[in-house]
Protein backbone atom coordinates (compact mmCIF):
# COMPACT_ATOMS: atom_id res chain seq x y z
CA MET A 1 6.03 29.11 -25.09
CA MET A 2 2.90 29.89 -27.06
CA TYR A 3 2.74 26.38 -28.47
CA ASN A 4 2.75 24.92 -24.99
CA ASP A 5 -0.07 27.25 -23.87
CA LYS A 6 -2.26 26.14 -26.79
CA ARG A 7 -1.73 22.49 -25.92
CA VAL A 8 -2.86 23.10 -22.35
CA LYS A 9 -5.93 25.00 -23.53
CA ILE A 10 -6.91 22.28 -26.01
CA SER A 11 -6.46 19.48 -23.50
CA LYS A 12 -8.81 21.19 -21.03
CA THR A 13 -11.60 21.74 -23.55
CA ARG A 14 -11.49 18.43 -25.41
CA ALA A 15 -13.26 15.37 -24.01
CA LEU A 16 -11.02 12.47 -23.11
CA ARG A 17 -11.60 9.24 -24.97
CA ALA A 18 -13.08 6.33 -23.07
CA ALA A 19 -11.09 3.13 -22.74
CA ASN A 20 -12.00 0.51 -25.32
CA PRO A 21 -13.43 -2.86 -24.13
CA TYR A 22 -10.05 -4.60 -24.20
CA PHE A 23 -8.52 -1.97 -21.93
CA GLN A 24 -11.50 -2.35 -19.59
CA TYR A 25 -10.79 -6.10 -19.47
CA ARG A 26 -7.05 -5.61 -18.98
CA ASN A 27 -7.59 -3.20 -16.07
CA CYS A 28 -9.93 -5.74 -14.49
CA LYS A 29 -7.35 -8.54 -14.77
CA ILE A 30 -4.25 -6.60 -13.66
CA ASP A 31 -3.06 -7.28 -10.13
CA PRO A 32 -2.16 -3.89 -8.57
CA LYS A 33 0.62 -5.49 -6.51
CA ASN A 34 2.32 -6.84 -9.63
CA LYS A 35 4.72 -4.20 -10.98
CA ARG A 36 4.97 -5.31 -14.62
CA LYS A 37 5.03 -3.07 -17.65
CA MET A 38 1.76 -2.62 -19.54
CA THR A 39 3.23 -4.42 -22.55
CA ASP A 40 3.82 -7.50 -20.39
CA HIS A 41 0.27 -7.33 -19.06
CA SER A 42 -1.01 -7.09 -22.63
CA LYS A 43 0.98 -10.17 -23.67
CA ILE A 44 -0.72 -12.13 -20.90
CA THR A 45 -4.28 -10.86 -21.33
CA ALA A 46 -4.45 -10.68 -25.15
CA PRO A 47 -4.74 -14.46 -25.74
CA GLU A 48 -7.42 -14.67 -23.03
CA TRP A 49 -9.34 -11.79 -24.65
CA GLY A 50 -9.10 -13.41 -28.07
CA SER A 51 -10.50 -16.70 -26.84
CA MET A 52 -13.49 -15.11 -25.08
CA THR A 53 -16.92 -15.27 -26.70
CA ASP A 54 -18.97 -12.18 -27.51
CA LEU A 55 -21.25 -12.93 -24.56
CA GLU A 56 -18.28 -12.86 -22.20
CA LYS A 57 -16.99 -9.62 -23.75
CA ARG A 58 -20.39 -7.93 -23.47
CA ARG A 59 -19.79 -6.72 -19.91
CA PHE A 60 -16.64 -4.86 -20.94
CA LYS A 61 -18.24 -3.42 -24.09
CA GLN A 62 -21.10 -2.05 -21.99
CA ALA A 63 -18.67 -0.55 -19.48
CA SER A 64 -16.82 1.16 -22.33
CA VAL A 65 -20.03 2.66 -23.77
CA LYS A 66 -21.14 3.86 -20.33
CA GLU A 67 -17.76 5.51 -19.71
CA ALA A 68 -17.89 7.21 -23.12
CA LEU A 69 -21.36 8.62 -22.41
CA ASP A 70 -20.32 9.83 -18.95
CA LYS A 71 -17.29 11.63 -20.38
CA GLU A 72 -19.36 13.17 -23.18
CA ALA A 73 -21.93 14.40 -20.66
CA ALA A 74 -19.18 15.86 -18.46
CA PHE A 75 -18.02 18.00 -21.40
CA GLY A 76 -21.54 19.21 -22.26
CA GLY A 77 -22.46 16.78 -25.03
CA ASN A 78 -23.19 18.01 -28.54
CA GLY A 79 -25.97 20.42 -27.55
CA LEU A 80 -28.51 18.90 -29.94
CA THR A 81 -29.30 15.59 -28.24
CA LYS A 82 -29.46 14.18 -24.74
CA LYS A 83 -28.06 10.67 -24.31
CA SER A 84 -28.63 8.19 -21.52
CA PHE A 85 -27.39 4.65 -20.88
CA GLU A 86 -29.95 2.03 -19.85
CA GLN A 87 -29.19 -1.51 -18.79
CA PHE A 88 -31.57 -4.36 -17.96
CA GLY A 89 -29.69 -7.52 -17.05
CA ASP A 90 -27.42 -8.46 -19.94
CA ILE A 91 -29.02 -6.03 -22.38
CA ALA A 92 -27.83 -2.43 -22.57
CA PHE A 93 -28.66 0.37 -24.96
CA VAL A 94 -28.23 4.11 -25.45
CA ILE A 95 -31.27 6.37 -25.63
CA GLU A 96 -30.69 9.53 -27.65
CA CYS A 97 -33.44 12.16 -27.55
CA PRO A 98 -33.36 15.48 -29.40
CA ILE A 99 -33.37 18.66 -27.35
CA ILE A 100 -36.48 20.61 -28.31
CA GLN A 101 -35.60 24.17 -29.26
CA ASN A 102 -37.63 27.15 -30.29
CA LYS A 103 -37.91 27.10 -34.10
CA GLU A 104 -36.48 30.60 -34.48
CA ASP A 105 -33.54 29.80 -32.20
CA TYR A 106 -32.93 26.55 -34.06
CA LEU A 107 -32.83 28.27 -37.47
CA PHE A 108 -30.63 31.07 -36.13
CA ASN A 109 -28.17 28.58 -34.63
CA LYS A 110 -28.21 26.41 -37.75
CA TYR A 111 -27.33 29.18 -40.18
CA THR A 112 -25.01 31.26 -37.96
CA ARG A 113 -23.08 28.48 -36.24
CA ASN A 114 -19.85 29.02 -38.20
CA THR A 115 -20.12 32.77 -38.71
CA ASP A 116 -19.13 35.82 -36.71
CA PHE A 117 -22.68 37.22 -36.70
CA LYS A 118 -23.88 38.36 -33.26
CA LEU A 119 -27.07 40.01 -32.08
CA LYS A 120 -26.75 43.48 -30.61
């Protein structure tokens, strides 16, 4: 019973992984009315994905990065940087800016992060 409780607790606190670009492509190509298994869908879409150029795959790679950033932001990020996704036409990039902290707070957090020390 305890083991099951830990699994539930971990799954709620851990960020879910974003789908990789191939899965983004496969979900785009799947017909919702067609009731095949995912392995059958993969057998159909894998040769198409392999023959695509990097320019054609770019849209799915960008969607994967955007989804990963959205999921990371939903779980609070890493606390040290703020990330944003910017896209202009075919070009997309991630902007990562440090979060400015008070120097004393920064040093306190840096050296007491993995300890049990607490202020009274």
